[in-house]
Amino acid sequence: APAPHDCLCFLGSNESIVSKQAVRRVMGKWPNGLLVDIDGAQHEVLMEQPHVIEQLWLEIDAHLAE
């Protein structure tokens, strides 16, 4: 079985507050880090449309179950 992830990070495809490249660079160096791209989301992913938030909670639940 794969090692559990130490960090779960979400990155919206419409991120405009921070550099998406910087987030990808940092997460690429994070041992056991998991970066999840969220199509159509902006900076504050937990304030998105209900279908996006539902996807986030599925990812979070899976992460916590590891």
PDB file of N, CA and C in Angstrom:
ATOM      1  N   ALA A   1       0.846  -1.193   0.000  1.00  0.00           N
ATOM      2  CA  ALA A   1       0.000   0.000   0.000  1.00  0.00           C
ATOM      3  C   ALA A   1       0.878   1.238   0.000  1.00  0.00           C
ATOM      4  N   PRO A   2       0.458   2.291  -0.702  1.00  0.00           N
ATOM      5  CA  PRO A   2       1.243   3.516  -0.703  1.00  0.00           C
ATOM      6  C   PRO A   2       1.274   4.161   0.677  1.00  0.00           C
ATOM      7  N   ALA A   3       2.332   4.914   0.933  1.00  0.00           N
ATOM      8  CA  ALA A   3       2.445   5.625   2.213  1.00  0.00           C
ATOM      9  C   ALA A   3       1.336   6.667   2.312  1.00  0.00           C
ATOM     10  N   PRO A   4       0.816   6.895   3.524  1.00  0.00           N
ATOM     11  CA  PRO A   4      -0.191   7.948   3.681  1.00  0.00           C
ATOM     12  C   PRO A   4       0.409   9.309   3.378  1.00  0.00           C
ATOM     13  N   HIS A   5      -0.429  10.203   2.901  1.00  0.00           N
ATOM     14  CA  HIS A   5       0.037  11.554   2.590  1.00  0.00           C
ATOM     15  C   HIS A   5       0.108  12.387   3.865  1.00  0.00           C
ATOM     16  N   ASP A   6       1.195  13.146   3.997  1.00  0.00           N
ATOM     17  CA  ASP A   6       1.377  14.036   5.145  1.00  0.00           C
ATOM     18  C   ASP A   6       0.657  15.362   4.964  1.00  0.00           C
ATOM     19  N   CYS A   7       0.438  15.726   3.699  1.00  0.00           N
ATOM     20  CA  CYS A   7      -0.148  17.033   3.409  1.00  0.00           C
ATOM     21  C   CYS A   7      -1.090  16.904   2.226  1.00  0.00           C
ATOM     22  N   LEU A   8      -2.245  17.509   2.331  1.00  0.00           N
ATOM     23  CA  LEU A   8      -3.220  17.552   1.256  1.00  0.00           C
ATOM     24  C   LEU A   8      -3.408  19.014   0.879  1.00  0.00           C
ATOM     25  N   CYS A   9      -3.178  19.335  -0.381  1.00  0.00           N
ATOM     26  CA  CYS A   9      -3.271  20.716  -0.849  1.00  0.00           C
ATOM     27  C   CYS A   9      -4.184  20.773  -2.064  1.00  0.00           C
ATOM     28  N   PHE A  10      -5.076  21.732  -2.075  1.00  0.00           N
ATOM     29  CA  PHE A  10      -5.970  21.938  -3.211  1.00  0.00           C
ATOM     30  C   PHE A  10      -5.528  23.171  -3.981  1.00  0.00           C
ATOM     31  N   LEU A  11      -5.591  23.083  -5.307  1.00  0.00           N
ATOM     32  CA  LEU A  11      -5.219  24.207  -6.161  1.00  0.00           C
ATOM     33  C   LEU A  11      -6.285  24.387  -7.227  1.00  0.00           C
ATOM     34  N   GLY A  12      -6.969  25.522  -7.159  1.00  0.00           N
ATOM     35  CA  GLY A  12      -7.997  25.819  -8.153  1.00  0.00           C
ATOM     36  C   GLY A  12      -7.386  26.201  -9.480  1.00  0.00           C
ATOM     37  N   SER A  13      -7.996  25.745 -10.558  1.00  0.00           N
ATOM     38  CA  SER A  13      -7.473  26.074 -11.887  1.00  0.00           C
ATOM     39  C   SER A  13      -7.588  27.563 -12.185  1.00  0.00           C
ATOM     40  N   ASN A  14      -8.486  28.266 -11.492  1.00  0.00           N
ATOM     41  CA  ASN A  14      -8.646  29.712 -11.683  1.00  0.00           C
ATOM     42  C   ASN A  14      -7.985  30.519 -10.559  1.00  0.00           C
ATOM     43  N   GLU A  15      -6.997  29.934  -9.891  1.00  0.00           N
ATOM     44  CA  GLU A  15      -6.262  30.634  -8.822  1.00  0.00           C
ATOM     45  C   GLU A  15      -5.669  31.922  -9.370  1.00  0.00           C
ATOM     46  N   SER A  16      -5.906  33.031  -8.656  1.00  0.00           N
ATOM     47  CA  SER A  16      -5.355  34.315  -9.097  1.00  0.00           C
ATOM     48  C   SER A  16      -4.705  35.094  -7.958  1.00  0.00           C
ATOM     49  N   ILE A  17      -4.686  34.537  -6.733  1.00  0.00           N
ATOM     50  CA  ILE A  17      -4.116  35.231  -5.581  1.00  0.00           C
ATOM     51  C   ILE A  17      -2.643  34.860  -5.407  1.00  0.00           C
ATOM     52  N   VAL A  18      -2.342  33.589  -5.526  1.00  0.00           N
ATOM     53  CA  VAL A  18      -0.961  33.121  -5.383  1.00  0.00           C
ATOM     54  C   VAL A  18      -0.516  32.463  -6.687  1.00  0.00           C
ATOM     55  N   SER A  19       0.767  32.296  -6.838  1.00  0.00           N
ATOM     56  CA  SER A  19       1.327  31.686  -8.041  1.00  0.00           C
ATOM     57  C   SER A  19       1.057  30.178  -8.060  1.00  0.00           C
ATOM     58  N   LYS A  20       0.350  29.730  -9.092  1.00  0.00           N
ATOM     59  CA  LYS A  20       0.098  28.289  -9.227  1.00  0.00           C
ATOM     60  C   LYS A  20       1.418  27.539  -9.401  1.00  0.00           C
ATOM     61  N   GLN A  21       2.356  28.149 -10.109  1.00  0.00           N
ATOM     62  CA  GLN A  21       3.656  27.510 -10.312  1.00  0.00           C
ATOM     63  C   GLN A  21       4.396  27.345  -8.987  1.00  0.00           C
ATOM     64  N   ALA A  22       4.298  28.347  -8.120  1.00  0.00           N
ATOM     65  CA  ALA A  22       4.960  28.263  -6.814  1.00  0.00           C
ATOM     66  C   ALA A  22       4.335  27.157  -5.964  1.00  0.00           C
ATOM     67  N   VAL A  23       3.013  27.046  -5.993  1.00  0.00           N
ATOM     68  CA  VAL A  23       2.340  25.990  -5.236  1.00  0.00           C
ATOM     69  C   VAL A  23       2.794  24.631  -5.754  1.00  0.00           C
ATOM     70  N   ARG A  24       2.840  24.477  -7.068  1.00  0.00           N
ATOM     71  CA  ARG A  24       3.276  23.205  -7.659  1.00  0.00           C
ATOM     72  C   ARG A  24       4.730  22.893  -7.286  1.00  0.00           C
ATOM     73  N   ARG A  25       5.567  23.919  -7.281  1.00  0.00           N
ATOM     74  CA  ARG A  25       6.983  23.733  -6.927  1.00  0.00           C
ATOM     75  C   ARG A  25       7.125  23.273  -5.476  1.00  0.00           C
ATOM     76  N   VAL A  26       6.447  23.936  -4.568  1.00  0.00           N
ATOM     77  CA  VAL A  26       6.521  23.578  -3.146  1.00  0.00           C
ATOM     78  C   VAL A  26       5.975  22.176  -2.918  1.00  0.00           C
ATOM     79  N   MET A  27       4.824  21.888  -3.494  1.00  0.00           N
ATOM     80  CA  MET A  27       4.221  20.571  -3.286  1.00  0.00           C
ATOM     81  C   MET A  27       5.044  19.471  -3.949  1.00  0.00           C
ATOM     82  N   GLY A  28       5.748  19.794  -5.020  1.00  0.00           N
ATOM     83  CA  GLY A  28       6.612  18.821  -5.674  1.00  0.00           C
ATOM     84  C   GLY A  28       7.791  18.411  -4.814  1.00  0.00           C
ATOM     85  N   LYS A  29       8.156  19.260  -3.860  1.00  0.00           N
ATOM     86  CA  LYS A  29       9.268  18.976  -2.952  1.00  0.00           C
ATOM     87  C   LYS A  29       8.800  18.371  -1.626  1.00  0.00           C
ATOM     88  N   TRP A  30       7.497  18.351  -1.383  1.00  0.00           N
ATOM     89  CA  TRP A  30       6.952  17.903  -0.111  1.00  0.00           C
ATOM     90  C   TRP A  30       6.870  16.374  -0.104  1.00  0.00           C
ATOM     91  N   PRO A  31       7.667  15.724   0.742  1.00  0.00           N
ATOM     92  CA  PRO A  31       7.580  14.262   0.815  1.00  0.00           C
ATOM     93  C   PRO A  31       6.170  13.828   1.216  1.00  0.00           C
ATOM     94  N   ASN A  32       5.622  12.933   0.479  1.00  0.00           N
ATOM     95  CA  ASN A  32       4.272  12.415   0.735  1.00  0.00           C
ATOM     96  C   ASN A  32       3.193  13.491   0.685  1.00  0.00           C
ATOM     97  N   GLY A  33       3.456  14.576  -0.029  1.00  0.00           N
ATOM     98  CA  GLY A  33       2.433  15.601  -0.217  1.00  0.00           C
ATOM     99  C   GLY A  33       1.555  15.253  -1.405  1.00  0.00           C
ATOM    100  N   LEU A  34       0.300  15.629  -1.339  1.00  0.00           N
ATOM    101  CA  LEU A  34      -0.635  15.379  -2.430  1.00  0.00           C
ATOM    102  C   LEU A  34      -1.270  16.698  -2.854  1.00  0.00           C
ATOM    103  N   LEU A  35      -1.094  17.054  -4.105  1.00  0.00           N
ATOM    104  CA  LEU A  35      -1.701  18.252  -4.678  1.00  0.00           C
ATOM    105  C   LEU A  35      -2.883  17.812  -5.527  1.00  0.00           C
ATOM    106  N   VAL A  36      -4.053  18.349  -5.231  1.00  0.00           N
ATOM    107  CA  VAL A  36      -5.268  18.005  -5.958  1.00  0.00           C
ATOM    108  C   VAL A  36      -5.714  19.249  -6.727  1.00  0.00           C
ATOM    109  N   ASP A  37      -5.761  19.129  -8.035  1.00  0.00           N
ATOM    110  CA  ASP A  37      -6.243  20.219  -8.885  1.00  0.00           C
ATOM    111  C   ASP A  37      -7.764  20.214  -8.884  1.00  0.00           C
ATOM    112  N   ILE A  38      -8.341  21.406  -8.704  1.00  0.00           N
ATOM    113  CA  ILE A  38      -9.790  21.551  -8.689  1.00  0.00           C
ATOM    114  C   ILE A  38     -10.188  22.433  -9.872  1.00  0.00           C
ATOM    115  N   ASP A  39     -10.765  21.785 -10.865  1.00  0.00           N
ATOM    116  CA  ASP A  39     -11.132  22.473 -12.097  1.00  0.00           C
ATOM    117  C   ASP A  39     -12.183  23.548 -11.840  1.00  0.00           C
ATOM    118  N   GLY A  40     -11.901  24.755 -12.313  1.00  0.00           N
ATOM    119  CA  GLY A  40     -12.838  25.864 -12.211  1.00  0.00           C
ATOM    120  C   GLY A  40     -12.845  26.589 -10.883  1.00  0.00           C
ATOM    121  N   ALA A  41     -12.089  26.107  -9.898  1.00  0.00           N
ATOM    122  CA  ALA A  41     -12.091  26.734  -8.573  1.00  0.00           C
ATOM    123  C   ALA A  41     -11.140  27.925  -8.529  1.00  0.00           C
ATOM    124  N   GLN A  42     -11.424  28.826  -7.607  1.00  0.00           N
ATOM    125  CA  GLN A  42     -10.575  29.977  -7.390  1.00  0.00           C
ATOM    126  C   GLN A  42      -9.743  29.756  -6.125  1.00  0.00           C
ATOM    127  N   HIS A  43      -9.315  30.853  -5.475  1.00  0.00           N
ATOM    128  CA  HIS A  43      -8.378  30.762  -4.361  1.00  0.00           C
ATOM    129  C   HIS A  43      -8.961  30.044  -3.145  1.00  0.00           C
ATOM    130  N   GLU A  44     -10.139  30.445  -2.721  1.00  0.00           N
ATOM    131  CA  GLU A  44     -10.728  29.879  -1.501  1.00  0.00           C
ATOM    132  C   GLU A  44     -11.660  28.737  -1.879  1.00  0.00           C
ATOM    133  N   VAL A  45     -11.084  27.539  -2.002  1.00  0.00           N
ATOM    134  CA  VAL A  45     -11.835  26.408  -2.540  1.00  0.00           C
ATOM    135  C   VAL A  45     -13.024  25.999  -1.676  1.00  0.00           C
ATOM    136  N   LEU A  46     -12.962  26.250  -0.382  1.00  0.00           N
ATOM    137  CA  LEU A  46     -14.088  25.888   0.485  1.00  0.00           C
ATOM    138  C   LEU A  46     -15.236  26.900   0.445  1.00  0.00           C
ATOM    139  N   MET A  47     -15.095  27.922  -0.401  1.00  0.00           N
ATOM    140  CA  MET A  47     -16.176  28.891  -0.590  1.00  0.00           C
ATOM    141  C   MET A  47     -16.696  28.820  -2.029  1.00  0.00           C
ATOM    142  N   GLU A  48     -16.496  27.698  -2.661  1.00  0.00           N
ATOM    143  CA  GLU A  48     -16.909  27.490  -4.048  1.00  0.00           C
ATOM    144  C   GLU A  48     -18.351  27.001  -4.129  1.00  0.00           C
ATOM    145  N   GLN A  49     -18.744  26.665  -5.334  1.00  0.00           N
ATOM    146  CA  GLN A  49     -20.071  26.111  -5.593  1.00  0.00           C
ATOM    147  C   GLN A  49     -20.226  24.766  -4.882  1.00  0.00           C
ATOM    148  N   PRO A  50     -21.445  24.380  -4.544  1.00  0.00           N
ATOM    149  CA  PRO A  50     -21.667  23.132  -3.811  1.00  0.00           C
ATOM    150  C   PRO A  50     -21.027  21.900  -4.449  1.00  0.00           C
ATOM    151  N   HIS A  51     -21.044  21.787  -5.778  1.00  0.00           N
ATOM    152  CA  HIS A  51     -20.455  20.596  -6.409  1.00  0.00           C
ATOM    153  C   HIS A  51     -18.944  20.546  -6.214  1.00  0.00           C
ATOM    154  N   VAL A  52     -18.290  21.704  -6.128  1.00  0.00           N
ATOM    155  CA  VAL A  52     -16.848  21.753  -5.873  1.00  0.00           C
ATOM    156  C   VAL A  52     -16.572  21.376  -4.422  1.00  0.00           C
ATOM    157  N   ILE A  53     -17.346  21.916  -3.505  1.00  0.00           N
ATOM    158  CA  ILE A  53     -17.167  21.611  -2.082  1.00  0.00           C
ATOM    159  C   ILE A  53     -17.402  20.122  -1.824  1.00  0.00           C
ATOM    160  N   GLU A  54     -18.365  19.536  -2.511  1.00  0.00           N
ATOM    161  CA  GLU A  54     -18.612  18.095  -2.369  1.00  0.00           C
ATOM    162  C   GLU A  54     -17.378  17.302  -2.795  1.00  0.00           C
ATOM    163  N   GLN A  55     -16.751  17.706  -3.901  1.00  0.00           N
ATOM    164  CA  GLN A  55     -15.529  17.043  -4.369  1.00  0.00           C
ATOM    165  C   GLN A  55     -14.412  17.185  -3.332  1.00  0.00           C
ATOM    166  N   LEU A  56     -14.295  18.375  -2.746  1.00  0.00           N
ATOM    167  CA  LEU A  56     -13.267  18.604  -1.728  1.00  0.00           C
ATOM    168  C   LEU A  56     -13.459  17.678  -0.543  1.00  0.00           C
ATOM    169  N   TRP A  57     -14.686  17.561  -0.061  1.00  0.00           N
ATOM    170  CA  TRP A  57     -14.934  16.716   1.106  1.00  0.00           C
ATOM    171  C   TRP A  57     -14.680  15.243   0.811  1.00  0.00           C
ATOM    172  N   LEU A  58     -14.933  14.806  -0.422  1.00  0.00           N
ATOM    173  CA  LEU A  58     -14.588  13.431  -0.786  1.00  0.00           C
ATOM    174  C   LEU A  58     -13.083  13.228  -0.706  1.00  0.00           C
ATOM    175  N   GLU A  59     -12.313  14.205  -1.188  1.00  0.00           N
ATOM    176  CA  GLU A  59     -10.854  14.138  -1.120  1.00  0.00           C
ATOM    177  C   GLU A  59     -10.361  14.171   0.327  1.00  0.00           C
ATOM    178  N   ILE A  60     -10.947  15.049   1.138  1.00  0.00           N
ATOM    179  CA  ILE A  60     -10.555  15.170   2.544  1.00  0.00           C
ATOM    180  C   ILE A  60     -10.889  13.881   3.289  1.00  0.00           C
ATOM    181  N   ASP A  61     -12.077  13.337   3.070  1.00  0.00           N
ATOM    182  CA  ASP A  61     -12.442  12.074   3.727  1.00  0.00           C
ATOM    183  C   ASP A  61     -11.484  10.964   3.361  1.00  0.00           C
ATOM    184  N   ALA A  62     -11.118  10.864   2.081  1.00  0.00           N
ATOM    185  CA  ALA A  62     -10.175   9.829   1.641  1.00  0.00           C
ATOM    186  C   ALA A  62      -8.812  10.037   2.295  1.00  0.00           C
ATOM    187  N   HIS A  63      -8.389  11.299   2.402  1.00  0.00           N
ATOM    188  CA  HIS A  63      -7.108  11.632   3.025  1.00  0.00           C
ATOM    189  C   HIS A  63      -7.097  11.210   4.496  1.00  0.00           C
ATOM    190  N   LEU A  64      -8.164  11.515   5.213  1.00  0.00           N
ATOM    191  CA  LEU A  64      -8.232  11.189   6.639  1.00  0.00           C
ATOM    192  C   LEU A  64      -8.360   9.697   6.879  1.00  0.00           C
ATOM    193  N   ALA A  65      -8.858   8.970   5.894  1.00  0.00           N
ATOM    194  CA  ALA A  65      -9.011   7.527   6.041  1.00  0.00           C
ATOM    195  C   ALA A  65      -7.697   6.779   5.815  1.00  0.00           C
ATOM    196  N   GLU A  66      -6.667   7.471   5.294  1.00  0.00           N
ATOM    197  CA  GLU A  66      -5.386   6.815   4.999  1.00  0.00           C
ATOM    198  C   GLU A  66      -4.736   6.275   6.250  1.00  0.00           C
TER     199      GLU A  66
END
